[in-house]
Amino acid sequence: MATEKLYYADAYLKTFAATVLSCEAAKNGYIVTLDRTAFYPEGGGQPADHGALNGVAVTDVHEKDSVVLHTCAAALEVGSTVHGEIDWVRRFDHMQQHSGEHIVSGMLCEAFHCDNVGFHMGADVVTIDYNADMTWEDVLAVEARANQYLWENHPFVVTYPSAEELAALEYRSKKELTGQVRIASFPGADTCACCGTHVAHSGEVGLVKFLSCQKFRSGVRLELLCGKRALDYLSRNWEQNHAVGQALSVKGEKTFAAVQRLQTELADAKARAATLEEESFRRTAAEYQNAGDVLLVLPPLQGDGVRRLCDAVSLTCGGRCAVFSGEGSSYKYAVIHSGQDIRQLVKDLNAALNGRGGGRDGFAQGSVQAGKEEIQAFFDNK
């Protein structure tokens, strides 16, 4: 027997009474069917409702052959009357996301003569795919139009047109439809075949905010937030920007300029540091002129400093140069002995000092898990 779907008659129904028709043990609990339900089953890109039946958690809901299947954490007595309660925060979030997606999709598809070819309502963000190219500026223009539509508070309309009416109707759909079709419409924005739950008026969506626009197959993939998700996202970003502004002693609208200034100052400081480092390396290389084999164990060097210092000293010392940079029991190393085969040395080094690395043509680099004294002791015997 088909389940009576109360969520179609009233998407705002939070509680209901129903009779348990069956209850069977399953992998993740018990599968319960009812004569009627307000629990929306997963479908059309919208996740399933959660909630409880007589206090027993409902963790998933699916539909098969017009029967709604509730996954419950415990068994329910067949024939008993149960009190159902929807997780309203979750449901209303889904209503906001789904309704907002309809409105922006209707506007985008009309503006770019394209189709919505993919829709996924994730726990954090809504992802939508369109089979047409569009720029970020294009998307933001539609975002502004959609928000204006929300604030005008248009009604949501559901119809079940006859076959003749459906044939004459312009509506969005991913596939050819037969039988009774549920047409969901936000007049002036979107008309679409849809089985999901929606807000009664566009104003209840509150806000739509696109997060990204990326090339995807023959079109683009957009990330969207609606309603409370959008508000929470923007609030978090405001808090972050406010904190950055306080740290930089500037107003919120001037943080980017302040960061650009810091980036310029940092780049200049890095350039000066690199010049000083090169000079330091040249002086160190000069100190070890014709010294033969050299071992240097130093505090941490930035970037590829280990290799560059080793290279500089190896050109002057006339022998093998090994540079270790780090602290405690963790060091990076570079070994250079021009024209010599150092493979066995590096193999022994890695074995003795718990190291990893290698190379060829008289050059090797890697890391060891050993202290300064252990490194010194190894090279004392080489």
Protein backbone atom coordinates (compact mmCIF):
# COMPACT_ATOMS: atom_id res chain seq x y z
CA MET A 1 0.00 0.00 0.00
CA ALA A 2 1.38 3.42 -0.97
CA THR A 3 2.29 5.71 1.91
CA GLU A 4 0.23 8.88 2.32
CA LYS A 5 2.79 11.67 1.95
CA LEU A 6 1.84 14.42 4.37
CA TYR A 7 4.82 16.60 3.43
CA TYR A 8 3.18 17.34 0.08
CA ALA A 9 0.00 18.60 1.69
CA ASP A 10 1.91 20.65 4.32
CA ALA A 11 5.69 21.08 4.19
CA TYR A 12 5.47 22.85 7.58
CA LEU A 13 3.97 19.87 9.41
CA LYS A 14 6.33 19.09 12.28
CA THR A 15 4.40 16.37 14.14
CA PHE A 16 1.90 13.72 13.09
CA ALA A 17 0.28 10.45 14.13
CA ALA A 18 0.47 7.27 12.06
CA THR A 19 -0.02 3.51 12.21
CA VAL A 20 2.93 1.12 11.94
CA LEU A 21 2.34 -1.24 9.00
CA SER A 22 5.59 -3.19 9.16
CA CYS A 23 8.89 -3.33 11.03
CA GLU A 24 11.81 -5.44 9.86
CA ALA A 25 15.37 -5.76 11.14
CA ALA A 26 17.98 -4.30 8.80
CA LYS A 27 21.71 -3.65 8.70
CA ASN A 28 21.51 -0.19 10.28
CA GLY A 29 18.53 -0.71 12.58
CA TYR A 30 14.91 -1.40 11.62
CA ILE A 31 12.98 -0.51 8.47
CA VAL A 32 9.55 0.80 9.43
CA THR A 33 6.62 1.58 7.12
CA LEU A 34 3.65 3.70 8.15
CA ASP A 35 0.25 4.35 6.66
CA ARG A 36 1.14 8.06 6.50
CA THR A 37 4.26 10.13 7.10
CA ALA A 38 5.61 13.67 7.22
CA PHE A 39 9.20 12.40 6.81
CA TYR A 40 10.58 13.41 3.43
CA PRO A 41 12.61 10.59 1.80
CA GLU A 42 15.92 11.25 0.09
CA GLY A 43 15.37 12.19 -3.53
CA GLY A 44 15.80 14.82 -6.22
CA GLY A 45 19.08 15.99 -4.69
CA GLN A 46 17.45 16.68 -1.30
CA PRO A 47 18.61 14.64 1.72
CA ALA A 48 16.14 12.73 3.88
CA ASP A 49 14.47 14.11 6.97
CA HIS A 50 15.56 12.98 10.42
CA GLY A 51 13.56 12.97 13.62
CA ALA A 52 11.80 10.45 15.84
CA LEU A 53 8.87 8.01 16.02
CA ASN A 54 7.67 7.54 19.62
CA GLY A 55 11.06 8.84 20.71
CA VAL A 56 12.95 6.32 18.54
CA ALA A 57 15.46 8.07 16.29
CA VAL A 58 14.73 8.08 12.57
CA THR A 59 18.16 8.21 10.92
CA ASP A 60 17.30 7.81 7.25
CA VAL A 61 14.26 7.77 4.96
CA HIS A 62 13.89 6.33 1.46
CA GLU A 63 11.04 5.64 -0.94
CA LYS A 64 10.54 2.44 -2.93
CA ASP A 65 7.51 1.77 -5.14
CA SER A 66 5.58 4.65 -3.53
CA VAL A 67 6.24 3.27 -0.02
CA VAL A 68 8.27 5.42 2.37
CA LEU A 69 10.82 3.40 4.36
CA HIS A 70 11.99 4.80 7.70
CA THR A 71 15.29 3.58 9.15
CA CYS A 72 14.80 3.52 12.93
CA ALA A 73 17.22 2.91 15.78
CA ALA A 74 14.83 0.45 17.51
CA ALA A 75 11.86 -1.71 16.63
CA LEU A 76 8.28 -0.39 16.67
CA GLU A 77 5.22 -2.56 17.27
CA VAL A 78 3.26 -3.38 14.13
CA GLY A 79 -0.30 -2.06 14.36
CA SER A 80 0.55 0.51 17.01
CA THR A 81 -0.06 4.23 16.66
CA VAL A 82 3.11 6.29 16.78
CA HIS A 83 3.82 9.97 17.25
CA GLY A 84 6.18 11.32 14.62
CA GLU A 85 8.33 14.38 15.12
CA ILE A 86 10.41 15.97 12.35
CA ASP A 87 13.82 17.48 13.00
CA TRP A 88 12.53 20.89 11.97
CA VAL A 89 15.88 22.69 11.93
CA ARG A 90 17.17 20.17 9.39
CA ARG A 91 13.94 20.20 7.34
CA PHE A 92 13.68 23.99 7.15
CA ASP A 93 17.35 24.24 6.17
CA HIS A 94 16.63 21.83 3.30
CA MET A 95 13.57 23.88 2.31
CA GLN A 96 15.66 27.06 2.22
CA GLN A 97 18.46 25.44 0.19
CA HIS A 98 16.10 23.75 -2.27
CA SER A 99 13.92 26.81 -2.80
CA GLY A 100 16.93 29.08 -3.23
CA GLU A 101 18.42 26.66 -5.74
CA HIS A 102 15.18 26.69 -7.76
CA ILE A 103 15.13 30.47 -7.93
CA VAL A 104 18.76 30.92 -9.02
CA SER A 105 18.57 27.96 -11.42
CA GLY A 106 15.46 29.34 -13.07
CA MET A 107 17.15 32.69 -13.59
CA LEU A 108 20.47 31.22 -14.76
CA CYS A 109 18.85 28.76 -17.17
CA GLU A 110 16.74 31.53 -18.67
CA ALA A 111 19.67 33.94 -18.97
CA PHE A 112 22.13 31.45 -20.48
CA HIS A 113 19.71 29.08 -22.27
CA CYS A 114 21.13 26.15 -20.37
CA ASP A 115 20.07 23.27 -18.16
CA ASN A 116 20.73 22.37 -14.55
CA VAL A 117 22.44 19.01 -15.14
CA GLY A 118 23.48 18.26 -11.56
CA PHE A 119 22.28 19.18 -8.08
CA HIS A 120 23.61 18.02 -4.72
CA MET A 121 22.56 19.42 -1.37
CA GLY A 122 25.48 18.63 0.91
CA ALA A 123 25.66 19.11 4.65
CA ASP A 124 27.67 22.31 4.15
CA VAL A 125 27.09 23.60 0.62
CA VAL A 126 24.78 23.19 -2.37
CA THR A 127 26.55 22.21 -5.62
CA ILE A 128 24.89 22.87 -8.99
CA ASP A 129 26.16 22.02 -12.48
CA TYR A 130 25.07 23.90 -15.64
CA ASN A 131 25.87 22.99 -19.25
CA ALA A 132 26.80 26.51 -20.33
CA ASP A 133 29.75 28.77 -19.75
CA MET A 134 29.35 31.82 -17.53
CA THR A 135 31.65 34.19 -15.71
CA TRP A 136 31.79 35.00 -12.01
CA GLU A 137 30.44 38.44 -12.84
CA ASP A 138 27.48 36.80 -14.63
CA VAL A 139 26.79 34.68 -11.57
CA LEU A 140 26.94 37.65 -9.20
CA ALA A 141 24.48 39.55 -11.40
CA VAL A 142 21.99 36.68 -11.07
CA GLU A 143 22.67 36.52 -7.33
CA ALA A 144 21.61 40.17 -7.03
CA ARG A 145 18.43 39.50 -9.06
CA ALA A 146 17.61 36.43 -6.97
CA ASN A 147 17.98 38.28 -3.67
CA GLN A 148 15.72 41.04 -4.93
CA TYR A 149 13.16 38.35 -5.82
CA LEU A 150 13.42 36.89 -2.31
CA TRP A 151 12.78 40.25 -0.67
CA GLU A 152 9.72 40.80 -2.84
CA ASN A 153 8.31 37.70 -1.06
CA HIS A 154 6.68 35.87 -3.96
CA PRO A 155 4.43 32.87 -3.21
CA PHE A 156 5.42 29.27 -3.96
CA VAL A 157 2.87 27.46 -6.11
CA VAL A 158 2.36 23.72 -6.69
CA THR A 159 0.19 22.34 -9.51
CA TYR A 160 -0.54 18.91 -10.94
CA PRO A 161 -1.34 19.66 -14.60
CA SER A 162 -3.13 17.27 -16.91
CA ALA A 163 -1.19 15.59 -19.71
CA GLU A 164 -2.46 18.21 -22.15
CA GLU A 165 -1.58 21.09 -19.84
CA LEU A 166 1.85 19.61 -19.16
CA ALA A 167 2.57 19.30 -22.89
CA ALA A 168 1.90 23.01 -23.34
CA LEU A 169 3.80 24.10 -20.22
CA GLU A 170 7.38 25.39 -20.26
CA TYR A 171 9.18 23.92 -17.27
CA ARG A 172 12.62 22.65 -16.25
CA SER A 173 13.17 18.92 -16.02
CA LYS A 174 16.18 16.61 -16.41
CA LYS A 175 14.16 13.82 -18.06
CA GLU A 176 10.97 13.01 -19.94
CA LEU A 177 8.10 12.67 -17.46
CA THR A 178 4.92 10.61 -17.60
CA GLY A 179 1.93 10.17 -15.29
CA GLN A 180 1.07 12.75 -12.67
CA VAL A 181 3.77 15.40 -12.50
CA ARG A 182 4.26 17.79 -9.60
CA ILE A 183 5.15 21.24 -10.93
CA ALA A 184 6.84 23.53 -8.40
CA SER A 185 6.86 27.20 -9.29
CA PHE A 186 8.17 30.48 -8.01
CA PRO A 187 6.29 32.70 -10.49
CA GLY A 188 8.57 35.01 -12.42
CA ALA A 189 11.68 33.05 -11.43
CA ASP A 190 11.28 29.32 -12.01
CA THR A 191 8.89 26.56 -13.04
CA CYS A 192 10.23 23.06 -12.52
CA ALA A 193 9.12 19.46 -12.09
CA CYS A 194 10.13 18.74 -8.49
CA CYS A 195 9.22 16.40 -5.63
CA GLY A 196 11.05 18.32 -2.88
CA THR A 197 9.84 20.44 0.00
CA HIS A 198 9.89 24.22 -0.32
CA VAL A 199 9.15 27.39 1.62
CA ALA A 200 5.70 28.98 1.18
CA HIS A 201 7.10 32.37 0.14
CA SER A 202 10.43 33.37 -1.38
CA GLY A 203 11.14 35.73 1.52
CA GLU A 204 11.61 32.73 3.83
CA VAL A 205 14.76 31.79 1.90
CA GLY A 206 16.17 35.01 3.32
CA LEU A 207 19.40 35.20 1.35
CA VAL A 208 21.30 33.44 -1.44
CA LYS A 209 25.08 33.63 -1.73
CA PHE A 210 27.28 32.02 -4.38
CA LEU A 211 30.71 30.91 -3.17
CA SER A 212 32.45 29.80 -6.36
CA CYS A 213 32.18 29.31 -10.11
CA GLN A 214 34.47 26.69 -11.67
CA LYS A 215 34.78 25.22 -15.14
CA PHE A 216 33.17 21.78 -15.20
CA ARG A 217 32.83 19.60 -18.30
CA SER A 218 30.97 21.65 -20.93
CA GLY A 219 29.82 24.28 -18.45
CA VAL A 220 30.33 25.37 -14.88
CA ARG A 221 29.90 24.11 -11.32
CA LEU A 222 28.58 26.62 -8.78
CA GLU A 223 28.60 26.43 -4.99
CA LEU A 224 25.64 28.07 -3.27
CA LEU A 225 24.45 28.81 0.26
CA CYS A 226 20.91 29.86 1.15
CA GLY A 227 19.08 31.06 4.24
CA LYS A 228 20.71 30.49 7.60
CA ARG A 229 23.69 28.77 5.98
CA ALA A 230 24.42 31.94 4.01
CA LEU A 231 23.95 34.15 7.07
CA ASP A 232 26.23 31.95 9.20
CA TYR A 233 28.88 31.94 6.46
CA LEU A 234 28.84 35.70 6.07
CA SER A 235 28.86 36.17 9.85
CA ARG A 236 31.94 33.95 10.18
CA ASN A 237 33.66 35.89 7.43
CA TRP A 238 32.77 39.19 9.09
CA GLU A 239 34.24 37.96 12.37
CA GLN A 240 37.43 36.92 10.58
CA ASN A 241 37.70 40.22 8.72
CA HIS A 242 36.97 42.16 11.91
CA ALA A 243 39.76 40.30 13.70
CA VAL A 244 42.15 40.96 10.82
CA GLY A 245 41.20 44.64 10.87
CA GLN A 246 41.89 44.88 14.60
CA ALA A 247 45.26 43.13 14.18
CA LEU A 248 46.23 45.54 11.40
CA SER A 249 44.66 48.60 13.07
CA VAL A 250 42.44 49.35 10.07
CA LYS A 251 38.70 49.41 9.44
CA GLY A 252 37.05 46.31 8.01
CA GLU A 253 36.68 47.73 4.52
CA LYS A 254 40.43 48.43 4.36
CA THR A 255 41.82 45.04 5.37
CA PHE A 256 42.69 43.96 1.82
CA ALA A 257 44.75 47.09 1.17
CA ALA A 258 46.50 46.57 4.50
CA VAL A 259 47.29 42.95 3.65
CA GLN A 260 48.65 44.00 0.25
CA ARG A 261 50.92 46.47 2.01
CA LEU A 262 52.15 43.75 4.37
CA GLN A 263 52.76 41.39 1.45
CA THR A 264 54.92 44.03 -0.23
CA GLU A 265 56.85 44.63 2.98
CA LEU A 266 57.30 40.87 3.48
CA ALA A 267 58.55 40.39 -0.08
CA ASP A 268 61.07 43.20 0.43
CA ALA A 269 62.19 41.68 3.74
CA LYS A 270 62.60 38.25 2.13
CA ALA A 271 64.65 39.75 -0.68
CA ARG A 272 66.93 41.50 1.84
CA ALA A 273 67.22 38.32 3.90
CA ALA A 274 68.11 36.31 0.79
CA THR A 275 70.85 38.81 -0.09
CA LEU A 276 72.25 38.64 3.44
CA GLU A 277 72.07 34.85 3.41
CA GLU A 278 73.96 34.64 0.13
CA GLU A 279 76.64 36.90 1.56
CA SER A 280 76.82 34.72 4.67
CA PHE A 281 77.20 31.61 2.51
CA ARG A 282 80.01 33.25 0.52
CA ARG A 283 81.85 34.15 3.73
CA THR A 284 81.44 30.63 5.10
CA ALA A 285 82.74 29.20 1.82
CA ALA A 286 85.75 31.52 2.02
CA GLU A 287 86.50 30.33 5.58
CA TYR A 288 86.81 26.74 4.35
CA GLN A 289 89.00 27.51 1.34
CA ASN A 290 91.15 24.37 0.69
CA ALA A 291 90.01 22.83 4.01
CA GLY A 292 89.36 19.41 2.50
CA ASP A 293 86.42 17.47 3.91
CA VAL A 294 83.98 19.73 5.78
CA LEU A 295 81.07 18.96 8.10
CA LEU A 296 78.71 21.75 9.17
CA VAL A 297 75.90 21.10 11.69
CA LEU A 298 73.75 24.22 11.96
CA PRO A 299 70.43 25.53 13.31
CA PRO A 300 67.49 25.37 10.87
CA LEU A 301 67.99 27.08 7.50
CA GLN A 302 65.06 28.33 5.42
CA GLY A 303 63.96 26.84 2.11
CA ASP A 304 66.77 25.21 0.13
CA GLY A 305 69.43 26.87 2.27
CA VAL A 306 71.02 23.51 3.17
CA ARG A 307 71.68 22.67 -0.47
CA ARG A 308 72.84 26.19 -1.39
CA LEU A 309 75.30 26.42 1.52
CA CYS A 310 76.64 22.97 0.77
CA ASP A 311 77.06 23.92 -2.87
CA ALA A 312 78.94 27.11 -1.98
CA VAL A 313 81.35 25.40 0.44
CA SER A 314 81.97 22.43 -1.86
CA LEU A 315 83.30 24.80 -4.52
CA THR A 316 86.05 26.08 -2.18
CA CYS A 317 86.93 23.30 0.27
CA GLY A 318 88.53 20.97 -2.26
CA GLY A 319 86.92 17.89 -0.67
CA ARG A 320 83.62 16.53 0.51
CA CYS A 321 81.11 18.93 2.06
CA ALA A 322 78.25 17.80 4.30
CA VAL A 323 75.77 20.29 5.73
CA PHE A 324 73.17 19.33 8.35
CA SER A 325 70.50 21.83 9.38
CA GLY A 326 67.98 21.33 12.19
CA GLU A 327 67.65 20.94 15.92
CA GLY A 328 67.08 18.26 18.54
CA SER A 329 66.98 14.92 16.76
CA SER A 330 65.71 16.08 13.38
CA TYR A 331 68.01 17.39 10.64
CA LYS A 332 67.97 17.93 6.90
CA TYR A 333 71.20 17.27 5.04
CA ALA A 334 73.04 17.81 1.79
CA VAL A 335 76.30 16.10 0.80
CA ILE A 336 78.42 17.11 -2.20
CA HIS A 337 81.70 15.57 -3.37
CA SER A 338 82.21 16.61 -6.95
CA GLY A 339 83.36 13.85 -9.26
CA GLN A 340 83.10 11.16 -6.53
CA ASP A 341 80.72 8.25 -6.03
CA ILE A 342 79.07 8.92 -2.64
CA ARG A 343 76.29 6.34 -2.88
CA GLN A 344 77.81 4.00 -0.29
CA LEU A 345 78.49 6.91 2.07
CA VAL A 346 74.87 8.04 1.87
CA LYS A 347 73.64 4.48 2.32
CA ASP A 348 75.76 4.10 5.47
CA LEU A 349 74.67 7.56 6.68
CA ASN A 350 70.98 6.72 6.35
CA ALA A 351 71.45 3.38 8.10
CA ALA A 352 73.45 4.83 11.00
CA LEU A 353 71.40 8.00 11.53
CA ASN A 354 67.88 6.71 10.77
CA GLY A 355 67.85 8.76 7.57
CA ARG A 356 66.05 8.94 4.26
CA GLY A 357 67.38 10.38 1.04
CA GLY A 358 69.78 9.92 -1.82
CA GLY A 359 71.09 11.34 -5.07
CA ARG A 360 73.66 10.87 -7.82
CA ASP A 361 76.69 12.40 -9.54
CA GLY A 362 78.36 13.36 -6.28
CA PHE A 363 75.28 15.01 -4.75
CA ALA A 364 72.75 13.71 -2.20
CA GLN A 365 70.15 15.21 0.11
CA GLY A 366 67.65 13.95 2.66
CA SER A 367 66.87 13.96 6.37
CA VAL A 368 67.92 12.08 9.50
CA GLN A 369 66.45 11.44 12.91
CA ALA A 370 69.57 11.85 14.98
CA GLY A 371 71.27 14.41 17.22
CA LYS A 372 74.30 16.62 16.60
CA GLU A 373 76.68 14.34 18.51
CA GLU A 374 75.58 11.25 16.52
CA ILE A 375 76.09 13.11 13.24
CA GLN A 376 79.55 14.25 14.33
CA ALA A 377 80.48 10.76 15.47
CA PHE A 378 79.48 9.24 12.12
CA PHE A 379 81.65 11.62 10.10
CA ASP A 380 84.59 11.27 12.54
CA ASN A 381 84.91 7.73 11.20
CA LYS A 382 84.61 8.66 7.51
